[in-house]
Amino acid sequence: MTAISAITIYWAIILGSITLLCWMFAGFSAVLGTKGEIRNAEPGRLSDYLTTGLAAVGFVSLTAMGLLLGFGS
């Protein structure tokens, strides 16, 4: 069993925080977009793009964190 270095742990914490923030803001954007659609009766394209983009960045960050912890030393 090998020990994970402190730098690897710090990067994993940073990437995990980025993942959490992206997913929280994606959810917040989706809620605001839904509210705007109900109020204006038109689809919010910007909200859709923002939600999809933030969710994708969060997934990339999650994948990078998993690879870092799995293969980093």
N, C-alpha and C. Protein backbone atom coordinates (compact mmCIF):
# COMPACT_ATOMS: atom_id res chain seq x y z
N MET A 1 0.85 -1.17 0.00
CA MET A 1 0.00 0.00 0.00
C MET A 1 0.89 1.23 0.00
N THR A 2 0.61 2.15 -0.90
CA THR A 2 1.40 3.37 -0.98
C THR A 2 0.63 4.53 -0.38
N ALA A 3 1.38 5.45 0.16
CA ALA A 3 0.76 6.64 0.75
C ALA A 3 0.57 7.70 -0.33
N ILE A 4 -0.53 8.40 -0.25
CA ILE A 4 -0.81 9.49 -1.19
C ILE A 4 -0.15 10.75 -0.65
N SER A 5 0.54 11.47 -1.52
CA SER A 5 1.25 12.66 -1.08
C SER A 5 0.27 13.78 -0.71
N ALA A 6 0.78 14.72 0.04
CA ALA A 6 -0.05 15.84 0.49
C ALA A 6 -0.49 16.72 -0.68
N ILE A 7 0.37 16.87 -1.67
CA ILE A 7 0.02 17.67 -2.85
C ILE A 7 -1.16 17.04 -3.59
N THR A 8 -1.15 15.73 -3.70
CA THR A 8 -2.25 15.02 -4.36
C THR A 8 -3.56 15.22 -3.61
N ILE A 9 -3.49 15.17 -2.31
CA ILE A 9 -4.69 15.37 -1.49
C ILE A 9 -5.21 16.80 -1.64
N TYR A 10 -4.31 17.78 -1.66
CA TYR A 10 -4.73 19.17 -1.84
C TYR A 10 -5.42 19.37 -3.19
N TRP A 11 -4.83 18.81 -4.26
CA TRP A 11 -5.44 18.92 -5.58
C TRP A 11 -6.79 18.23 -5.62
N ALA A 12 -6.91 17.10 -4.95
CA ALA A 12 -8.20 16.39 -4.91
C ALA A 12 -9.26 17.23 -4.19
N ILE A 13 -8.87 17.91 -3.12
CA ILE A 13 -9.81 18.78 -2.40
C ILE A 13 -10.23 19.95 -3.28
N ILE A 14 -9.28 20.55 -3.99
CA ILE A 14 -9.61 21.66 -4.88
C ILE A 14 -10.54 21.21 -5.99
N LEU A 15 -10.24 20.09 -6.63
CA LEU A 15 -11.09 19.58 -7.70
C LEU A 15 -12.47 19.18 -7.19
N GLY A 16 -12.52 18.60 -6.00
CA GLY A 16 -13.82 18.26 -5.41
C GLY A 16 -14.65 19.50 -5.10
N SER A 17 -13.99 20.55 -4.65
CA SER A 17 -14.70 21.81 -4.38
C SER A 17 -15.23 22.44 -5.67
N ILE A 18 -14.41 22.38 -6.72
CA ILE A 18 -14.86 22.89 -8.02
C ILE A 18 -16.06 22.10 -8.51
N THR A 19 -16.02 20.79 -8.35
CA THR A 19 -17.14 19.94 -8.76
C THR A 19 -18.41 20.32 -8.02
N LEU A 20 -18.31 20.45 -6.72
CA LEU A 20 -19.48 20.80 -5.91
C LEU A 20 -20.04 22.16 -6.30
N LEU A 21 -19.17 23.15 -6.46
CA LEU A 21 -19.63 24.49 -6.83
C LEU A 21 -20.29 24.50 -8.21
N CYS A 22 -19.70 23.80 -9.16
CA CYS A 22 -20.29 23.76 -10.51
C CYS A 22 -21.67 23.14 -10.47
N TRP A 23 -21.82 22.04 -9.75
CA TRP A 23 -23.13 21.38 -9.70
C TRP A 23 -24.15 22.20 -8.93
N MET A 24 -23.71 22.91 -7.89
CA MET A 24 -24.64 23.78 -7.16
C MET A 24 -25.12 24.92 -8.04
N PHE A 25 -24.20 25.56 -8.77
CA PHE A 25 -24.59 26.66 -9.64
C PHE A 25 -25.40 26.18 -10.84
N ALA A 26 -25.13 24.97 -11.31
CA ALA A 26 -25.95 24.40 -12.40
C ALA A 26 -27.39 24.21 -11.92
N GLY A 27 -27.56 23.70 -10.72
CA GLY A 27 -28.90 23.54 -10.17
C GLY A 27 -29.59 24.87 -9.95
N PHE A 28 -28.83 25.85 -9.45
CA PHE A 28 -29.39 27.18 -9.23
C PHE A 28 -29.82 27.81 -10.56
N SER A 29 -28.99 27.64 -11.58
CA SER A 29 -29.33 28.16 -12.90
C SER A 29 -30.56 27.47 -13.47
N ALA A 30 -30.68 26.18 -13.24
CA ALA A 30 -31.85 25.45 -13.74
C ALA A 30 -33.13 25.93 -13.05
N VAL A 31 -33.04 26.18 -11.75
CA VAL A 31 -34.21 26.67 -11.02
C VAL A 31 -34.61 28.06 -11.51
N LEU A 32 -33.63 28.94 -11.69
CA LEU A 32 -33.94 30.28 -12.19
C LEU A 32 -34.47 30.24 -13.62
N GLY A 33 -33.94 29.35 -14.43
CA GLY A 33 -34.43 29.21 -15.80
C GLY A 33 -35.85 28.71 -15.84
N THR A 34 -36.20 27.78 -14.97
CA THR A 34 -37.56 27.27 -14.91
C THR A 34 -38.52 28.37 -14.46
N LYS A 35 -38.08 29.16 -13.49
CA LYS A 35 -38.91 30.27 -13.02
C LYS A 35 -39.15 31.27 -14.15
N GLY A 36 -38.11 31.54 -14.95
CA GLY A 36 -38.26 32.46 -16.07
C GLY A 36 -39.16 31.91 -17.15
N GLU A 37 -39.10 30.59 -17.38
CA GLU A 37 -39.98 29.97 -18.38
C GLU A 37 -41.43 30.04 -17.94
N ILE A 38 -41.68 29.84 -16.67
CA ILE A 38 -43.06 29.90 -16.17
C ILE A 38 -43.59 31.33 -16.30
N ARG A 39 -42.74 32.29 -15.97
CA ARG A 39 -43.18 33.68 -15.99
C ARG A 39 -43.37 34.21 -17.41
N ASN A 40 -42.44 33.90 -18.31
CA ASN A 40 -42.47 34.47 -19.66
C ASN A 40 -43.03 33.52 -20.71
N ALA A 41 -43.23 32.28 -20.39
CA ALA A 41 -43.74 31.25 -21.30
C ALA A 41 -42.86 31.08 -22.53
N GLU A 42 -41.56 31.31 -22.41
CA GLU A 42 -40.63 31.03 -23.49
C GLU A 42 -39.43 30.28 -22.91
N PRO A 43 -38.87 29.39 -23.70
CA PRO A 43 -37.73 28.63 -23.19
C PRO A 43 -36.50 29.51 -22.98
N GLY A 44 -35.79 29.26 -21.91
CA GLY A 44 -34.58 30.01 -21.62
C GLY A 44 -33.36 29.31 -22.15
N ARG A 45 -32.90 29.69 -23.31
CA ARG A 45 -31.75 29.03 -23.93
C ARG A 45 -30.47 29.26 -23.13
N LEU A 46 -30.28 30.47 -22.65
CA LEU A 46 -29.07 30.76 -21.89
C LEU A 46 -29.00 29.90 -20.64
N SER A 47 -30.11 29.74 -19.97
CA SER A 47 -30.15 28.91 -18.78
C SER A 47 -29.82 27.45 -19.11
N ASP A 48 -30.33 26.97 -20.24
CA ASP A 48 -30.03 25.60 -20.65
C ASP A 48 -28.55 25.41 -20.93
N TYR A 49 -27.97 26.36 -21.67
CA TYR A 49 -26.54 26.27 -21.98
C TYR A 49 -25.68 26.39 -20.73
N LEU A 50 -26.05 27.29 -19.86
CA LEU A 50 -25.30 27.48 -18.61
C LEU A 50 -25.38 26.24 -17.73
N THR A 51 -26.55 25.67 -17.61
CA THR A 51 -26.72 24.46 -16.80
C THR A 51 -25.92 23.30 -17.37
N THR A 52 -26.00 23.11 -18.68
CA THR A 52 -25.27 22.01 -19.31
C THR A 52 -23.76 22.22 -19.20
N GLY A 53 -23.31 23.45 -19.42
CA GLY A 53 -21.89 23.74 -19.34
C GLY A 53 -21.33 23.55 -17.94
N LEU A 54 -22.04 24.03 -16.93
CA LEU A 54 -21.58 23.87 -15.55
C LEU A 54 -21.59 22.40 -15.13
N ALA A 55 -22.60 21.67 -15.55
CA ALA A 55 -22.65 20.24 -15.22
C ALA A 55 -21.49 19.50 -15.90
N ALA A 56 -21.16 19.88 -17.13
CA ALA A 56 -20.06 19.24 -17.84
C ALA A 56 -18.71 19.55 -17.18
N VAL A 57 -18.51 20.81 -16.80
CA VAL A 57 -17.27 21.18 -16.10
C VAL A 57 -17.16 20.43 -14.78
N GLY A 58 -18.27 20.29 -14.07
CA GLY A 58 -18.26 19.53 -12.82
C GLY A 58 -17.91 18.07 -13.06
N PHE A 59 -18.44 17.48 -14.14
CA PHE A 59 -18.12 16.09 -14.44
C PHE A 59 -16.65 15.91 -14.81
N VAL A 60 -16.10 16.85 -15.59
CA VAL A 60 -14.68 16.79 -15.94
C VAL A 60 -13.82 16.92 -14.69
N SER A 61 -14.19 17.82 -13.79
CA SER A 61 -13.45 17.99 -12.54
C SER A 61 -13.54 16.73 -11.68
N LEU A 62 -14.71 16.11 -11.65
CA LEU A 62 -14.88 14.87 -10.90
C LEU A 62 -14.01 13.76 -11.48
N THR A 63 -13.98 13.66 -12.80
CA THR A 63 -13.17 12.64 -13.45
C THR A 63 -11.68 12.88 -13.18
N ALA A 64 -11.25 14.13 -13.26
CA ALA A 64 -9.85 14.46 -12.98
C ALA A 64 -9.49 14.12 -11.53
N MET A 65 -10.40 14.40 -10.61
CA MET A 65 -10.14 14.08 -9.21
C MET A 65 -10.02 12.58 -9.01
N GLY A 66 -10.90 11.82 -9.65
CA GLY A 66 -10.84 10.36 -9.54
C GLY A 66 -9.57 9.79 -10.12
N LEU A 67 -9.14 10.32 -11.28
CA LEU A 67 -7.90 9.86 -11.87
C LEU A 67 -6.70 10.23 -11.01
N LEU A 68 -6.75 11.42 -10.45
CA LEU A 68 -5.65 11.88 -9.59
C LEU A 68 -5.53 10.98 -8.36
N LEU A 69 -6.65 10.67 -7.74
CA LEU A 69 -6.58 9.81 -6.55
C LEU A 69 -6.29 8.36 -6.91
N GLY A 70 -6.75 7.93 -8.08
CA GLY A 70 -6.51 6.54 -8.48
C GLY A 70 -5.09 6.27 -8.95
N PHE A 71 -4.56 7.22 -9.70
CA PHE A 71 -3.24 6.98 -10.30
C PHE A 71 -2.16 7.93 -9.81
N GLY A 72 -2.51 8.94 -9.05
CA GLY A 72 -1.53 9.88 -8.53
C GLY A 72 -0.75 9.29 -7.37
N SER A 73 0.43 9.79 -7.20
CA SER A 73 1.23 9.27 -6.08
C SER A 73 1.89 10.38 -5.32
